[in-house]
């Protein structure tokens, strides 16, 4: 199995991953009655749902290249776009 070079993955990919994990951790803790990040009650639940939805959509929409092949494909695509 090939090793993943952590430093070769873009900062944006790591930020999206960390935010997604933090958001779903907050939602899980909220369901268990322990809500460390958001305010309790309806406003906190709505804010948590909005944060989770927006983070998930952005993480899904953006290109999160972790593998060497995916990063190479990103470079080829950028080269193709720059030649047009």
Protein backbone atom coordinates (compact mmCIF):
# COMPACT_ATOMS: atom_id res chain seq x y z
CA UNK A 1 0.00 0.00 0.00
CA UNK A 2 1.29 3.45 -0.91
CA UNK A 3 1.99 5.97 1.81
CA UNK A 4 0.17 9.30 1.84
CA UNK A 5 2.44 12.34 2.07
CA UNK A 6 0.57 14.63 4.42
CA UNK A 7 2.46 17.71 3.26
CA UNK A 8 1.45 17.18 -0.37
CA UNK A 9 -2.27 17.53 0.39
CA UNK A 10 -3.50 21.12 0.05
CA UNK A 11 -4.26 23.23 3.10
CA UNK A 12 -7.82 23.79 1.88
CA UNK A 13 -8.46 20.05 1.84
CA UNK A 14 -7.23 19.72 5.42
CA UNK A 15 -9.30 22.71 6.59
CA UNK A 16 -12.47 21.28 5.02
CA UNK A 17 -11.80 17.88 6.59
CA UNK A 18 -11.18 19.32 10.07
CA UNK A 19 -14.27 21.55 9.89
CA UNK A 20 -16.43 18.63 8.76
CA UNK A 21 -15.17 16.43 11.61
CA UNK A 22 -15.62 19.23 14.16
CA UNK A 23 -19.14 19.97 12.94
CA UNK A 24 -20.30 16.38 13.10
CA UNK A 25 -18.61 15.90 16.47
CA UNK A 26 -20.56 18.91 17.75
CA UNK A 27 -23.81 17.49 16.36
CA UNK A 28 -23.13 14.08 17.94
CA UNK A 29 -22.37 15.65 21.32
CA UNK A 30 -25.49 17.78 20.98
CA UNK A 31 -27.61 14.67 20.42
CA UNK A 32 -26.09 13.18 23.56
CA UNK A 33 -27.05 16.28 25.57
CA UNK A 34 -23.55 17.76 25.75
CA UNK A 35 -23.22 20.79 23.52
CA UNK A 36 -19.83 22.46 23.95
CA UNK A 37 -19.90 24.76 20.91
CA UNK A 38 -23.38 26.10 20.22
CA UNK A 39 -26.07 27.55 22.47
CA UNK A 40 -28.69 25.15 23.78
CA UNK A 41 -32.23 25.13 22.49
CA UNK A 42 -33.80 25.69 19.10
CA UNK A 43 -31.39 28.45 18.03
CA UNK A 44 -28.39 26.23 18.79
CA UNK A 45 -29.90 23.31 16.90
CA UNK A 46 -30.68 25.47 13.87
CA UNK A 47 -27.17 26.96 13.90
CA UNK A 48 -25.66 23.48 14.20
CA UNK A 49 -27.73 22.17 11.26
CA UNK A 50 -26.80 25.18 9.10
CA UNK A 51 -23.11 24.78 9.96
CA UNK A 52 -23.16 21.04 9.26
CA UNK A 53 -25.04 21.45 5.99
CA UNK A 54 -22.84 24.23 4.67
CA UNK A 55 -19.61 22.48 5.71
CA UNK A 56 -20.75 19.20 4.13
CA UNK A 57 -21.79 20.90 0.89
CA UNK A 58 -18.54 22.83 0.54
CA UNK A 59 -16.50 19.71 1.38
CA UNK A 60 -18.46 17.73 -1.19
CA UNK A 61 -18.29 20.41 -3.89
CA UNK A 62 -14.59 21.23 -3.61
CA UNK A 63 -11.95 18.91 -4.98
CA UNK A 64 -10.30 17.05 -2.11
CA UNK A 65 -7.33 15.31 -3.69
CA UNK A 66 -5.55 13.01 -1.25
CA UNK A 67 -3.90 10.52 -3.59
CA UNK A 68 -0.87 11.12 -5.79
CA UNK A 69 -2.89 10.27 -8.91
CA UNK A 70 -5.60 12.77 -7.98
CA UNK A 71 -3.03 15.52 -7.37
CA UNK A 72 -1.40 14.75 -10.72
CA UNK A 73 -4.82 14.95 -12.40
CA UNK A 74 -5.33 18.36 -10.75
CA UNK A 75 -2.06 19.58 -12.23
CA UNK A 76 -2.98 18.29 -15.70
CA UNK A 77 -6.39 19.97 -15.46
CA UNK A 78 -4.81 23.26 -14.38
CA UNK A 79 -2.41 23.05 -17.32
CA UNK A 80 -5.25 22.38 -19.75
CA UNK A 81 -7.24 25.31 -18.36
CA UNK A 82 -4.26 27.66 -18.57
CA UNK A 83 -3.68 26.80 -22.25
CA UNK A 84 -7.23 27.75 -23.24
